[in-house]
């Protein structure tokens, strides 16, 4: 299967390098290239746009007059009929993005890398469109897959990672990967936490009875 070619437009090279590192080990995604600003992006797309499947693009470029939204419009204007699917990245709240500028997703920058890769695959193969979830702490657990719900509640109840792996018949690395995605989803709801067992999350679970007894 031919890999999905992803071009990244962002002024944060550390973020780009981190994504590219994971893509190198992916069987479905290929890091095709990058641009650090709108001007560089337009120049590189002159030659490469027909080879790109997805553009992963920041919404904001503070040092430039053109933001990501207007850059997407410009790409549409310059390359009619050749536009890759455009996925925006952002920090902060849910944002209004013009659906007519080639938009296929608005993904928080703190999104877990494994989930980001899954989103990009669904965008390419299924034409999915992603939005950040609404901030509703009572429905936090609804953002998780069934496996993530199970792992979340087991961690909340104080079960060790090794024990969780044993009970679910998976490796500890898989448990930790799920944990990272869970934490990312919690952060998207506005919680400044880096641990599923954080007191703030414990209180939330108790208040809304999100997890039963294990």
Protein backbone atom coordinates (compact mmCIF):
# COMPACT_ATOMS: atom_id res chain seq x y z
CA UNK A 1 0.00 0.00 0.00
CA UNK A 2 1.33 3.41 -0.95
CA UNK A 3 1.93 5.65 2.03
CA UNK A 4 -0.07 8.82 2.75
CA UNK A 5 2.26 11.74 2.03
CA UNK A 6 1.97 14.44 4.70
CA UNK A 7 3.45 17.95 4.32
CA UNK A 8 3.71 19.99 7.56
CA UNK A 9 3.52 23.81 7.78
CA UNK A 10 4.54 25.07 11.23
CA UNK A 11 7.12 27.43 12.73
CA UNK A 12 7.93 24.91 15.48
CA UNK A 13 10.69 22.64 14.16
CA UNK A 14 10.72 20.54 17.33
CA UNK A 15 7.06 19.68 16.78
CA UNK A 16 7.73 18.83 13.13
CA UNK A 17 10.73 16.67 14.01
CA UNK A 18 8.71 14.82 16.65
CA UNK A 19 5.93 14.01 14.20
CA UNK A 20 8.40 13.06 11.46
CA UNK A 21 10.14 10.63 13.83
CA UNK A 22 6.93 8.69 14.39
CA UNK A 23 6.06 8.77 10.68
CA UNK A 24 9.36 7.04 9.86
CA UNK A 25 8.14 3.96 11.74
CA UNK A 26 4.64 4.10 10.25
CA UNK A 27 3.48 1.66 7.60
CA UNK A 28 0.82 4.08 6.32
CA UNK A 29 2.17 7.65 6.74
CA UNK A 30 5.15 9.38 5.15
CA UNK A 31 6.66 12.72 6.20
CA UNK A 32 6.96 14.33 2.77
CA UNK A 33 8.34 17.74 3.68
CA UNK A 34 7.89 20.93 5.67
CA UNK A 35 7.62 24.70 5.54
CA UNK A 36 8.07 27.06 8.50
CA UNK A 37 5.85 29.87 7.21
CA UNK A 38 3.24 30.71 4.54
CA UNK A 39 5.77 32.18 2.09
CA UNK A 40 7.98 29.11 2.19
CA UNK A 41 4.91 26.89 1.94
CA UNK A 42 3.63 28.54 -1.24
CA UNK A 43 7.07 28.31 -2.84
CA UNK A 44 7.49 24.61 -2.09
CA UNK A 45 3.96 23.72 -3.18
CA UNK A 46 4.65 25.15 -6.64
CA UNK A 47 6.60 21.98 -7.41
CA UNK A 48 5.29 19.43 -4.92
CA UNK A 49 1.54 19.92 -4.44
CA UNK A 50 0.51 17.16 -6.84
CA UNK A 51 2.53 14.64 -4.78
CA UNK A 52 1.04 15.56 -1.39
CA UNK A 53 -2.03 13.88 0.15
CA UNK A 54 -2.43 15.91 3.37
CA UNK A 55 -1.15 19.29 4.54
CA UNK A 56 -0.93 19.53 8.34
CA UNK A 57 -0.97 23.29 8.92
CA UNK A 58 -0.74 25.62 11.92
CA UNK A 59 -3.54 28.19 12.20
CA UNK A 60 -1.33 31.05 13.43
CA UNK A 61 1.87 32.59 12.05
CA UNK A 62 2.35 35.71 14.23
CA UNK A 63 5.30 37.12 12.24
CA UNK A 64 3.46 36.99 8.92
CA UNK A 65 0.43 38.83 7.54
CA UNK A 66 -1.06 35.57 6.28
CA UNK A 67 -2.47 33.08 8.79
CA UNK A 68 -3.20 29.42 8.14
CA UNK A 69 -6.80 30.07 7.09
CA UNK A 70 -5.82 32.60 4.45
CA UNK A 71 -2.92 30.40 3.38
CA UNK A 72 -5.37 27.58 2.71
CA UNK A 73 -7.52 29.94 0.65
CA UNK A 74 -4.46 31.04 -1.32
CA UNK A 75 -3.48 27.44 -2.02
CA UNK A 76 -7.01 26.80 -3.31
CA UNK A 77 -6.79 29.86 -5.54
CA UNK A 78 -3.37 29.00 -6.99
CA UNK A 79 -3.91 25.26 -7.43
CA UNK A 80 -7.56 24.62 -8.33
CA UNK A 81 -8.31 20.93 -8.55
CA UNK A 82 -4.97 19.89 -7.05
CA UNK A 83 -5.50 20.69 -3.37
CA UNK A 84 -4.49 18.03 -0.81
CA UNK A 85 -6.71 17.61 2.22
CA UNK A 86 -5.83 20.36 4.71
CA UNK A 87 -5.81 19.68 8.45
CA UNK A 88 -5.28 22.62 10.79
CA UNK A 89 -3.52 22.44 14.15
CA UNK A 90 -4.14 24.90 16.95
CA UNK A 91 -3.47 25.65 20.61
CA UNK A 92 -6.44 26.57 22.76
CA UNK A 93 -10.16 26.64 22.24
CA UNK A 94 -12.31 25.27 19.46
CA UNK A 95 -12.02 27.69 16.53
CA UNK A 96 -14.20 28.67 13.60
CA UNK A 97 -12.56 27.52 10.39
CA UNK A 98 -13.97 28.21 6.94
CA UNK A 99 -15.12 24.90 5.47
CA UNK A 100 -14.60 26.32 1.99
CA UNK A 101 -10.82 26.59 2.33
CA UNK A 102 -10.09 22.86 2.02
CA UNK A 103 -10.64 22.06 5.69
CA UNK A 104 -10.67 18.43 6.89
CA UNK A 105 -9.84 18.84 10.56
CA UNK A 106 -8.98 21.13 13.45
CA UNK A 107 -6.71 19.21 15.82
CA UNK A 108 -5.17 20.48 19.09
CA UNK A 109 -1.38 20.54 19.11
CA UNK A 110 -1.31 18.50 22.32
CA UNK A 111 -3.16 15.68 20.60
CA UNK A 112 -1.50 12.32 21.22
CA UNK A 113 0.72 11.32 18.30
CA UNK A 114 -0.83 7.87 17.91
CA UNK A 115 -4.31 9.33 17.76
CA UNK A 116 -3.14 12.07 15.36
CA UNK A 117 -1.80 9.39 13.03
CA UNK A 118 -5.10 7.50 13.24
CA UNK A 119 -6.99 10.71 12.46
CA UNK A 120 -4.86 11.39 9.39
CA UNK A 121 -5.48 7.87 8.13
CA UNK A 122 -9.25 8.31 8.55
CA UNK A 123 -9.13 11.72 6.89
CA UNK A 124 -7.34 10.25 3.89
CA UNK A 125 -9.23 6.99 3.48
CA UNK A 126 -12.67 7.89 4.87
CA UNK A 127 -12.81 11.69 4.29
CA UNK A 128 -13.43 12.13 8.04
CA UNK A 129 -13.50 15.64 9.53
CA UNK A 130 -12.32 16.18 13.13
CA UNK A 131 -13.13 18.93 15.63
CA UNK A 132 -11.86 19.31 19.20
CA UNK A 133 -14.49 18.03 21.65
CA UNK A 134 -16.66 20.49 23.52
CA UNK A 135 -15.54 21.20 27.08
CA UNK A 136 -17.94 19.07 29.09
CA UNK A 137 -16.16 17.50 32.04
CA UNK A 138 -19.20 15.43 32.99
CA UNK A 139 -18.88 13.59 29.68
CA UNK A 140 -15.11 13.24 29.83
CA UNK A 141 -15.16 9.46 29.66
CA UNK A 142 -17.31 9.54 26.51
CA UNK A 143 -14.26 10.83 24.62
CA UNK A 144 -12.47 7.51 25.21
CA UNK A 145 -12.62 4.23 23.31
CA UNK A 146 -13.85 1.21 25.25
CA UNK A 147 -10.28 0.09 25.88
CA UNK A 148 -9.27 3.60 27.01
CA UNK A 149 -12.25 3.75 29.39
CA UNK A 150 -11.16 0.48 30.97
CA UNK A 151 -7.55 1.59 31.36
CA UNK A 152 -8.58 5.05 32.62
CA UNK A 153 -10.75 3.59 35.36
CA UNK A 154 -8.15 1.01 36.35
CA UNK A 155 -5.52 3.74 36.75
CA UNK A 156 -7.99 5.91 38.70
CA UNK A 157 -8.59 2.98 41.05
CA UNK A 158 -4.86 2.75 41.71
CA UNK A 159 -4.03 -0.36 39.71
CA UNK A 160 -0.38 -0.43 38.59
CA UNK A 161 0.50 -0.30 34.89
CA UNK A 162 2.08 -3.77 35.05
CA UNK A 163 -1.05 -5.22 36.65
CA UNK A 164 -3.27 -3.57 34.04
CA UNK A 165 -1.17 -5.07 31.25
CA UNK A 166 -1.43 -8.50 32.86
CA UNK A 167 -5.20 -8.31 33.35
CA UNK A 168 -5.85 -7.05 29.81
CA UNK A 169 -3.27 -9.40 28.26
CA UNK A 170 -1.34 -6.57 26.57
CA UNK A 171 2.15 -5.14 27.02
CA UNK A 172 3.02 -2.35 29.43
CA UNK A 173 4.09 -0.22 26.44
CA UNK A 174 0.60 -0.50 24.95
CA UNK A 175 -0.93 0.51 28.30
CA UNK A 176 1.37 3.55 28.47
CA UNK A 177 0.50 4.50 24.87
CA UNK A 178 -3.20 4.43 25.77
CA UNK A 179 -2.44 6.44 28.91
CA UNK A 180 -0.75 9.17 26.83
CA UNK A 181 -3.80 9.43 24.56
CA UNK A 182 -6.11 9.56 27.60
CA UNK A 183 -4.07 12.37 29.15
CA UNK A 184 -4.12 14.28 25.87
CA UNK A 185 -7.92 14.03 25.70
CA UNK A 186 -8.21 15.22 29.30
CA UNK A 187 -5.96 18.20 28.49
CA UNK A 188 -8.15 19.07 25.52
CA UNK A 189 -11.02 19.60 27.95
CA UNK A 190 -8.99 22.28 29.71
CA UNK A 191 -7.42 20.31 32.55
CA UNK A 192 -3.78 21.20 33.13
CA UNK A 193 -2.77 17.72 34.26
CA UNK A 194 -0.10 15.26 33.18
CA UNK A 195 -1.23 12.27 35.21
CA UNK A 196 -4.52 10.33 35.10
CA UNK A 197 -4.24 9.94 38.89
CA UNK A 198 -4.11 13.71 39.48
CA UNK A 199 -6.35 14.86 42.39
CA UNK A 200 -8.37 17.06 40.04
CA UNK A 201 -9.26 14.04 37.92
CA UNK A 202 -9.99 11.91 40.98
CA UNK A 203 -12.48 14.52 42.20
CA UNK A 204 -14.08 14.69 38.75
CA UNK A 205 -14.50 10.92 38.63
CA UNK A 206 -16.08 10.85 42.09
CA UNK A 207 -18.35 13.82 41.43
CA UNK A 208 -19.82 12.40 38.21
CA UNK A 209 -19.41 8.70 39.13
CA UNK A 210 -17.48 8.07 35.92
CA UNK A 211 -15.97 4.77 37.07
CA UNK A 212 -17.56 1.98 39.01
CA UNK A 213 -15.74 -0.43 41.32
CA UNK A 214 -13.06 -2.61 39.76
